[in-house]
């Protein structure tokens, strides 16, 4: 796969989920006995298939299974911007005023400031970002393993989910196994530079084992819960687990 794979035609999100499930429209009709023009029924079946995908992907996922890492020479310098709004509409968060709020099943809920986050142990990774739209790009990301942060704040790591709220109105959640995965980081830098505003300053969650929309940016709150919080695109039809 090239370093910067061009955008490709994209399946309708529901059809894409259907194909991932291994069912054709004909098989769907046979199995359900429904008219595929009955949109409500089809959407209900798609939702059940997506939930099944979540269970299967979760069962197959493990901390020993790593996303590929690449030589630093393969990391692009001009990383592609992607969001549902223009880059100049990105939230302008001030490092001086920023606070990361904590909630849910966490012992120490004291807010964290930017300098406190930057003082944590950090690691770098050169990994591929894979977008659900059909393009991918390799970048160098540096930050603190989310597992390290959760340990420091006394998060209940036996809980099921970690959720994120963001300054741009985005929200996302992941399973605890993904949160504790060694490649899941709170990324403060891209290409050895402080994370630019349009990419999510002061940090984004970088998860190379998941599709790009599962990597929230402009994170302003982290919470731990046993109730699935869903996600911005998940609540609009995308598969929740979305592993790669």
C-alpha atoms as a PDB file:
ATOM      1  CA  UNK A   1       0.000   0.000   0.000  1.00  0.00           C
ATOM      2  CA  UNK A   2       1.509   3.408  -0.950  1.00  0.00           C
ATOM      3  CA  UNK A   3       2.489   5.867   1.743  1.00  0.00           C
ATOM      4  CA  UNK A   4      -0.252   8.256   0.656  1.00  0.00           C
ATOM      5  CA  UNK A   5      -3.035   6.243  -0.877  1.00  0.00           C
ATOM      6  CA  UNK A   6      -5.428   8.390  -2.944  1.00  0.00           C
ATOM      7  CA  UNK A   7      -9.066   8.586  -2.029  1.00  0.00           C
ATOM      8  CA  UNK A   8     -11.221   5.847  -3.499  1.00  0.00           C
ATOM      9  CA  UNK A   9     -14.960   5.616  -4.128  1.00  0.00           C
ATOM     10  CA  UNK A  10     -16.657   4.883  -0.845  1.00  0.00           C
ATOM     11  CA  UNK A  11     -19.457   2.425  -0.174  1.00  0.00           C
ATOM     12  CA  UNK A  12     -22.589   3.725   1.443  1.00  0.00           C
ATOM     13  CA  UNK A  13     -21.855   3.177   5.134  1.00  0.00           C
ATOM     14  CA  UNK A  14     -24.628   0.607   5.555  1.00  0.00           C
ATOM     15  CA  UNK A  15     -23.586  -1.329   2.474  1.00  0.00           C
ATOM     16  CA  UNK A  16     -19.990  -1.306   3.661  1.00  0.00           C
ATOM     17  CA  UNK A  17     -21.046  -2.837   6.964  1.00  0.00           C
ATOM     18  CA  UNK A  18     -23.059  -5.433   5.111  1.00  0.00           C
ATOM     19  CA  UNK A  19     -20.075  -6.430   2.999  1.00  0.00           C
ATOM     20  CA  UNK A  20     -17.895  -6.712   6.105  1.00  0.00           C
ATOM     21  CA  UNK A  21     -20.412  -9.112   7.534  1.00  0.00           C
ATOM     22  CA  UNK A  22     -19.988 -11.417   4.552  1.00  0.00           C
ATOM     23  CA  UNK A  23     -23.622 -11.180   3.472  1.00  0.00           C
ATOM     24  CA  UNK A  24     -24.943 -10.162   0.079  1.00  0.00           C
ATOM     25  CA  UNK A  25     -28.249  -8.397  -0.367  1.00  0.00           C
ATOM     26  CA  UNK A  26     -29.641 -11.643  -1.728  1.00  0.00           C
ATOM     27  CA  UNK A  27     -28.470 -13.560   1.339  1.00  0.00           C
ATOM     28  CA  UNK A  28     -29.895 -10.853   3.573  1.00  0.00           C
ATOM     29  CA  UNK A  29     -33.272 -11.190   1.870  1.00  0.00           C
ATOM     30  CA  UNK A  30     -33.141 -14.971   2.185  1.00  0.00           C
ATOM     31  CA  UNK A  31     -32.169 -14.927   5.852  1.00  0.00           C
ATOM     32  CA  UNK A  32     -34.683 -12.332   6.956  1.00  0.00           C
ATOM     33  CA  UNK A  33     -37.508 -12.921   4.518  1.00  0.00           C
ATOM     34  CA  UNK A  34     -37.798  -9.159   4.222  1.00  0.00           C
ATOM     35  CA  UNK A  35     -38.270  -6.827   1.308  1.00  0.00           C
ATOM     36  CA  UNK A  36     -34.986  -4.953   0.874  1.00  0.00           C
ATOM     37  CA  UNK A  37     -37.003  -1.895  -0.057  1.00  0.00           C
ATOM     38  CA  UNK A  38     -38.322  -1.914   3.528  1.00  0.00           C
ATOM     39  CA  UNK A  39     -35.746   0.550   4.827  1.00  0.00           C
ATOM     40  CA  UNK A  40     -36.608   0.268   8.531  1.00  0.00           C
ATOM     41  CA  UNK A  41     -36.285  -3.517   8.480  1.00  0.00           C
ATOM     42  CA  UNK A  42     -33.024  -3.437   6.529  1.00  0.00           C
ATOM     43  CA  UNK A  43     -31.553  -0.811   8.859  1.00  0.00           C
ATOM     44  CA  UNK A  44     -32.503  -2.967  11.837  1.00  0.00           C
ATOM     45  CA  UNK A  45     -30.741  -5.974  10.321  1.00  0.00           C
ATOM     46  CA  UNK A  46     -27.671  -3.873   9.528  1.00  0.00           C
ATOM     47  CA  UNK A  47     -27.581  -2.738  13.163  1.00  0.00           C
ATOM     48  CA  UNK A  48     -27.684  -6.348  14.346  1.00  0.00           C
ATOM     49  CA  UNK A  49     -24.895  -7.292  11.927  1.00  0.00           C
ATOM     50  CA  UNK A  50     -22.804  -4.355  13.157  1.00  0.00           C
ATOM     51  CA  UNK A  51     -23.323  -5.432  16.765  1.00  0.00           C
ATOM     52  CA  UNK A  52     -22.223  -8.945  15.839  1.00  0.00           C
ATOM     53  CA  UNK A  53     -19.117  -7.447  14.207  1.00  0.00           C
ATOM     54  CA  UNK A  54     -18.372  -5.612  17.459  1.00  0.00           C
ATOM     55  CA  UNK A  55     -18.500  -8.861  19.422  1.00  0.00           C
ATOM     56  CA  UNK A  56     -16.340 -10.784  16.949  1.00  0.00           C
ATOM     57  CA  UNK A  57     -13.729  -8.024  16.591  1.00  0.00           C
ATOM     58  CA  UNK A  58     -13.570  -7.571  20.348  1.00  0.00           C
ATOM     59  CA  UNK A  59     -13.023 -11.298  20.860  1.00  0.00           C
ATOM     60  CA  UNK A  60     -10.204 -11.362  18.293  1.00  0.00           C
ATOM     61  CA  UNK A  61      -8.464  -8.209  19.530  1.00  0.00           C
ATOM     62  CA  UNK A  62      -5.611  -8.461  22.026  1.00  0.00           C
ATOM     63  CA  UNK A  63      -2.701  -6.480  23.405  1.00  0.00           C
ATOM     64  CA  UNK A  64      -0.177  -8.767  21.737  1.00  0.00           C
ATOM     65  CA  UNK A  65      -1.521  -7.907  18.307  1.00  0.00           C
ATOM     66  CA  UNK A  66       0.251  -4.789  17.041  1.00  0.00           C
ATOM     67  CA  UNK A  67      -0.349  -2.521  14.078  1.00  0.00           C
ATOM     68  CA  UNK A  68       2.607  -2.384  11.649  1.00  0.00           C
ATOM     69  CA  UNK A  69       5.238   0.259  12.390  1.00  0.00           C
ATOM     70  CA  UNK A  70       7.405   1.795   9.670  1.00  0.00           C
ATOM     71  CA  UNK A  71      10.807   3.469   9.223  1.00  0.00           C
ATOM     72  CA  UNK A  72      10.729   7.159  10.052  1.00  0.00           C
ATOM     73  CA  UNK A  73      11.704   7.892   6.447  1.00  0.00           C
ATOM     74  CA  UNK A  74       8.218   6.760   5.370  1.00  0.00           C
ATOM     75  CA  UNK A  75       6.405   9.316   7.530  1.00  0.00           C
ATOM     76  CA  UNK A  76       4.917  12.146   5.491  1.00  0.00           C
ATOM     77  CA  UNK A  77       5.600  15.725   6.566  1.00  0.00           C
ATOM     78  CA  UNK A  78       2.427  17.250   5.140  1.00  0.00           C
ATOM     79  CA  UNK A  79      -0.191  15.052   6.776  1.00  0.00           C
ATOM     80  CA  UNK A  80      -3.637  15.185   5.225  1.00  0.00           C
ATOM     81  CA  UNK A  81      -6.287  17.196   7.071  1.00  0.00           C
ATOM     82  CA  UNK A  82      -9.700  15.600   7.452  1.00  0.00           C
ATOM     83  CA  UNK A  83     -12.850  16.684   9.295  1.00  0.00           C
ATOM     84  CA  UNK A  84     -16.457  17.595   8.557  1.00  0.00           C
ATOM     85  CA  UNK A  85     -15.505  21.291   8.793  1.00  0.00           C
ATOM     86  CA  UNK A  86     -12.785  23.428   7.213  1.00  0.00           C
ATOM     87  CA  UNK A  87      -9.404  23.644   8.939  1.00  0.00           C
ATOM     88  CA  UNK A  88      -9.874  27.351   9.675  1.00  0.00           C
ATOM     89  CA  UNK A  89     -12.946  26.428  11.734  1.00  0.00           C
ATOM     90  CA  UNK A  90     -10.918  24.229  14.098  1.00  0.00           C
ATOM     91  CA  UNK A  91     -11.256  25.000  17.826  1.00  0.00           C
ATOM     92  CA  UNK A  92      -8.617  27.456  19.023  1.00  0.00           C
ATOM     93  CA  UNK A  93      -7.675  26.016  22.402  1.00  0.00           C
ATOM     94  CA  UNK A  94      -5.293  28.033  24.549  1.00  0.00           C
ATOM     95  CA  UNK A  95      -2.500  26.113  26.259  1.00  0.00           C
ATOM     96  CA  UNK A  96      -2.694  28.536  29.185  1.00  0.00           C
ATOM     97  CA  UNK A  97      -6.420  27.978  29.746  1.00  0.00           C
ATOM     98  CA  UNK A  98      -6.783  24.349  28.714  1.00  0.00           C
ATOM     99  CA  UNK A  99      -7.945  21.747  31.232  1.00  0.00           C
ATOM    100  CA  UNK A 100      -8.477  18.044  30.617  1.00  0.00           C
ATOM    101  CA  UNK A 101     -11.494  17.013  32.693  1.00  0.00           C
ATOM    102  CA  UNK A 102     -11.861  13.482  34.092  1.00  0.00           C
ATOM    103  CA  UNK A 103     -15.064  11.691  35.035  1.00  0.00           C
ATOM    104  CA  UNK A 104     -16.619   8.316  35.693  1.00  0.00           C
ATOM    105  CA  UNK A 105     -14.771   5.392  37.257  1.00  0.00           C
ATOM    106  CA  UNK A 106     -11.566   7.322  38.015  1.00  0.00           C
ATOM    107  CA  UNK A 107     -10.165   7.899  41.518  1.00  0.00           C
ATOM    108  CA  UNK A 108      -8.290  11.157  40.928  1.00  0.00           C
ATOM    109  CA  UNK A 109     -10.470  13.517  38.909  1.00  0.00           C
ATOM    110  CA  UNK A 110      -8.222  16.545  39.237  1.00  0.00           C
ATOM    111  CA  UNK A 111      -8.087  18.350  35.846  1.00  0.00           C
ATOM    112  CA  UNK A 112      -4.834  18.175  33.890  1.00  0.00           C
ATOM    113  CA  UNK A 113      -3.159  21.142  32.234  1.00  0.00           C
ATOM    114  CA  UNK A 114      -1.062  21.034  29.084  1.00  0.00           C
ATOM    115  CA  UNK A 115       2.293  21.233  30.859  1.00  0.00           C
ATOM    116  CA  UNK A 116       1.270  18.395  33.184  1.00  0.00           C
ATOM    117  CA  UNK A 117       0.460  16.217  30.173  1.00  0.00           C
ATOM    118  CA  UNK A 118       3.701  17.101  28.404  1.00  0.00           C
ATOM    119  CA  UNK A 119       5.673  16.091  31.526  1.00  0.00           C
ATOM    120  CA  UNK A 120       4.434  12.487  31.311  1.00  0.00           C
ATOM    121  CA  UNK A 121       6.606   9.734  29.785  1.00  0.00           C
ATOM    122  CA  UNK A 122       6.322   9.743  26.010  1.00  0.00           C
ATOM    123  CA  UNK A 123       6.993   7.394  23.122  1.00  0.00           C
ATOM    124  CA  UNK A 124       6.962   7.748  19.345  1.00  0.00           C
ATOM    125  CA  UNK A 125       5.420   5.562  16.691  1.00  0.00           C
ATOM    126  CA  UNK A 126       5.430   5.654  12.897  1.00  0.00           C
ATOM    127  CA  UNK A 127       2.106   4.131  11.955  1.00  0.00           C
ATOM    128  CA  UNK A 128      -0.498   4.232   9.220  1.00  0.00           C
ATOM    129  CA  UNK A 129      -3.687   6.232   9.628  1.00  0.00           C
ATOM    130  CA  UNK A 130      -6.468   4.475   7.707  1.00  0.00           C
ATOM    131  CA  UNK A 131      -9.550   6.536   6.894  1.00  0.00           C
ATOM    132  CA  UNK A 132     -12.971   4.999   6.381  1.00  0.00           C
ATOM    133  CA  UNK A 133     -13.197   7.165   3.233  1.00  0.00           C
ATOM    134  CA  UNK A 134     -10.594   4.994   1.536  1.00  0.00           C
ATOM    135  CA  UNK A 135      -7.256   6.800   1.916  1.00  0.00           C
ATOM    136  CA  UNK A 136      -4.332   6.173   4.238  1.00  0.00           C
ATOM    137  CA  UNK A 137      -1.171   7.979   5.304  1.00  0.00           C
ATOM    138  CA  UNK A 138       1.856   7.203   7.447  1.00  0.00           C
ATOM    139  CA  UNK A 139       2.837   9.682  10.133  1.00  0.00           C
ATOM    140  CA  UNK A 140       5.122   9.964  13.130  1.00  0.00           C
ATOM    141  CA  UNK A 141       3.191  10.502  16.355  1.00  0.00           C
ATOM    142  CA  UNK A 142       4.608  11.157  19.825  1.00  0.00           C
ATOM    143  CA  UNK A 143       2.795  11.091  23.130  1.00  0.00           C
ATOM    144  CA  UNK A 144       1.930   9.274  26.325  1.00  0.00           C
ATOM    145  CA  UNK A 145       0.486   5.759  26.270  1.00  0.00           C
ATOM    146  CA  UNK A 146      -3.135   6.064  27.326  1.00  0.00           C
ATOM    147  CA  UNK A 147      -2.604   3.055  29.591  1.00  0.00           C
ATOM    148  CA  UNK A 148       0.041   5.012  31.531  1.00  0.00           C
ATOM    149  CA  UNK A 149      -2.295   7.967  31.981  1.00  0.00           C
ATOM    150  CA  UNK A 150      -5.200   5.797  33.102  1.00  0.00           C
ATOM    151  CA  UNK A 151      -2.962   4.112  35.656  1.00  0.00           C
ATOM    152  CA  UNK A 152      -1.781   7.454  37.051  1.00  0.00           C
ATOM    153  CA  UNK A 153      -5.290   8.787  37.574  1.00  0.00           C
ATOM    154  CA  UNK A 154      -6.542   5.590  39.178  1.00  0.00           C
ATOM    155  CA  UNK A 155      -8.929   4.540  36.436  1.00  0.00           C
ATOM    156  CA  UNK A 156     -10.859   1.323  36.953  1.00  0.00           C
ATOM    157  CA  UNK A 157      -9.291  -0.755  34.197  1.00  0.00           C
ATOM    158  CA  UNK A 158     -11.772  -3.563  34.816  1.00  0.00           C
ATOM    159  CA  UNK A 159     -14.482  -1.264  33.431  1.00  0.00           C
ATOM    160  CA  UNK A 160     -15.646  -1.788  29.862  1.00  0.00           C
ATOM    161  CA  UNK A 161     -15.235   1.539  28.087  1.00  0.00           C
ATOM    162  CA  UNK A 162     -13.246   4.754  27.872  1.00  0.00           C
ATOM    163  CA  UNK A 163     -15.013   7.757  26.383  1.00  0.00           C
ATOM    164  CA  UNK A 164     -13.746  11.069  25.014  1.00  0.00           C
ATOM    165  CA  UNK A 165     -15.400  14.468  24.644  1.00  0.00           C
ATOM    166  CA  UNK A 166     -13.870  17.028  22.294  1.00  0.00           C
ATOM    167  CA  UNK A 167     -13.867  20.796  21.846  1.00  0.00           C
ATOM    168  CA  UNK A 168     -15.369  20.574  18.352  1.00  0.00           C
ATOM    169  CA  UNK A 169     -18.454  18.696  19.540  1.00  0.00           C
ATOM    170  CA  UNK A 170     -17.042  15.327  18.552  1.00  0.00           C
ATOM    171  CA  UNK A 171     -17.252  12.388  20.939  1.00  0.00           C
ATOM    172  CA  UNK A 172     -15.956   8.829  20.738  1.00  0.00           C
ATOM    173  CA  UNK A 173     -15.427   5.731  22.845  1.00  0.00           C
ATOM    174  CA  UNK A 174     -13.301   2.591  22.813  1.00  0.00           C
ATOM    175  CA  UNK A 175     -13.208  -0.690  24.683  1.00  0.00           C
ATOM    176  CA  UNK A 176     -10.848  -0.959  27.648  1.00  0.00           C
ATOM    177  CA  UNK A 177      -8.595  -3.470  25.859  1.00  0.00           C
ATOM    178  CA  UNK A 178      -7.950  -0.876  23.147  1.00  0.00           C
ATOM    179  CA  UNK A 179      -7.376   1.842  25.743  1.00  0.00           C
ATOM    180  CA  UNK A 180      -4.699  -0.318  27.390  1.00  0.00           C
ATOM    181  CA  UNK A 181      -3.108  -1.378  24.102  1.00  0.00           C
ATOM    182  CA  UNK A 182       0.582  -0.328  23.968  1.00  0.00           C
ATOM    183  CA  UNK A 183       0.123   1.571  20.687  1.00  0.00           C
ATOM    184  CA  UNK A 184      -2.819   3.681  21.868  1.00  0.00           C
ATOM    185  CA  UNK A 185      -1.356   7.061  22.809  1.00  0.00           C
ATOM    186  CA  UNK A 186      -2.316  10.600  23.722  1.00  0.00           C
ATOM    187  CA  UNK A 187      -0.461  12.232  20.824  1.00  0.00           C
ATOM    188  CA  UNK A 188       0.987  15.684  21.535  1.00  0.00           C
ATOM    189  CA  UNK A 189       3.278  15.819  18.512  1.00  0.00           C
ATOM    190  CA  UNK A 190       3.113  15.104  14.793  1.00  0.00           C
ATOM    191  CA  UNK A 191       6.390  14.879  12.851  1.00  0.00           C
ATOM    192  CA  UNK A 192       8.342  15.999  15.956  1.00  0.00           C
ATOM    193  CA  UNK A 193       6.356  19.245  16.179  1.00  0.00           C
ATOM    194  CA  UNK A 194       3.769  20.278  18.764  1.00  0.00           C
ATOM    195  CA  UNK A 195       0.465  19.072  17.353  1.00  0.00           C
ATOM    196  CA  UNK A 196      -0.836  21.806  15.027  1.00  0.00           C
ATOM    197  CA  UNK A 197      -4.254  23.262  15.778  1.00  0.00           C
ATOM    198  CA  UNK A 198      -6.020  21.673  12.817  1.00  0.00           C
ATOM    199  CA  UNK A 199      -4.843  18.194  13.866  1.00  0.00           C
ATOM    200  CA  UNK A 200      -6.233  18.493  17.380  1.00  0.00           C
ATOM    201  CA  UNK A 201      -4.057  20.639  19.693  1.00  0.00           C
ATOM    202  CA  UNK A 202      -3.250  20.039  22.482  1.00  0.00           C
ATOM    203  CA  UNK A 203      -3.621  16.327  21.804  1.00  0.00           C
ATOM    204  CA  UNK A 204      -5.516  13.642  19.965  1.00  0.00           C
ATOM    205  CA  UNK A 205      -5.985   9.976  20.722  1.00  0.00           C
ATOM    206  CA  UNK A 206      -3.916   8.002  18.246  1.00  0.00           C
ATOM    207  CA  UNK A 207      -5.088   4.397  17.781  1.00  0.00           C
ATOM    208  CA  UNK A 208      -3.334   2.673  14.853  1.00  0.00           C
ATOM    209  CA  UNK A 209      -5.392  -0.482  15.387  1.00  0.00           C
ATOM    210  CA  UNK A 210      -8.615   1.341  14.452  1.00  0.00           C
ATOM    211  CA  UNK A 211     -10.057   3.370  11.592  1.00  0.00           C
ATOM    212  CA  UNK A 212      -9.358   7.085  11.646  1.00  0.00           C
ATOM    213  CA  UNK A 213     -12.725   8.257  12.933  1.00  0.00           C
ATOM    214  CA  UNK A 214     -11.987   6.348  16.177  1.00  0.00           C
ATOM    215  CA  UNK A 215      -9.030   8.731  16.788  1.00  0.00           C
ATOM    216  CA  UNK A 216     -10.647  11.806  18.410  1.00  0.00           C
ATOM    217  CA  UNK A 217      -8.843  15.152  18.505  1.00  0.00           C
ATOM    218  CA  UNK A 218      -9.201  18.348  20.586  1.00  0.00           C
ATOM    219  CA  UNK A 219      -9.875  16.067  23.564  1.00  0.00           C
ATOM    220  CA  UNK A 220     -11.208  17.992  26.560  1.00  0.00           C
ATOM    221  CA  UNK A 221     -12.536  15.148  28.723  1.00  0.00           C
ATOM    222  CA  UNK A 222     -11.836  11.474  29.366  1.00  0.00           C
ATOM    223  CA  UNK A 223     -14.217   9.246  31.281  1.00  0.00           C
ATOM    224  CA  UNK A 224     -14.397   5.571  32.226  1.00  0.00           C
ATOM    225  CA  UNK A 225     -17.718   3.748  32.266  1.00  0.00           C
ATOM    226  CA  UNK A 226     -19.456   0.398  31.988  1.00  0.00           C
ATOM    227  CA  UNK A 227     -22.067   1.811  29.617  1.00  0.00           C
ATOM    228  CA  UNK A 228     -21.157   2.115  25.931  1.00  0.00           C
ATOM    229  CA  UNK A 229     -21.103   5.871  25.164  1.00  0.00           C
ATOM    230  CA  UNK A 230     -21.330   5.370  21.386  1.00  0.00           C
ATOM    231  CA  UNK A 231     -19.653   7.932  19.159  1.00  0.00           C
ATOM    232  CA  UNK A 232     -20.279  10.819  16.768  1.00  0.00           C
ATOM    233  CA  UNK A 233     -20.203   8.697  13.613  1.00  0.00           C
ATOM    234  CA  UNK A 234     -21.198   5.475  15.359  1.00  0.00           C
ATOM    235  CA  UNK A 235     -24.500   7.089  16.297  1.00  0.00           C
ATOM    236  CA  UNK A 236     -24.903   7.892  12.590  1.00  0.00           C
ATOM    237  CA  UNK A 237     -24.465   4.296  11.437  1.00  0.00           C
ATOM    238  CA  UNK A 238     -20.742   3.465  11.534  1.00  0.00           C
ATOM    239  CA  UNK A 239     -19.523   0.267  13.169  1.00  0.00           C
ATOM    240  CA  UNK A 240     -18.456   0.945  16.768  1.00  0.00           C
ATOM    241  CA  UNK A 241     -15.395  -1.324  17.072  1.00  0.00           C
ATOM    242  CA  UNK A 242     -13.980  -0.501  13.595  1.00  0.00           C
ATOM    243  CA  UNK A 243     -10.698  -2.354  14.003  1.00  0.00           C
ATOM    244  CA  UNK A 244      -8.201  -2.716  11.165  1.00  0.00           C
END
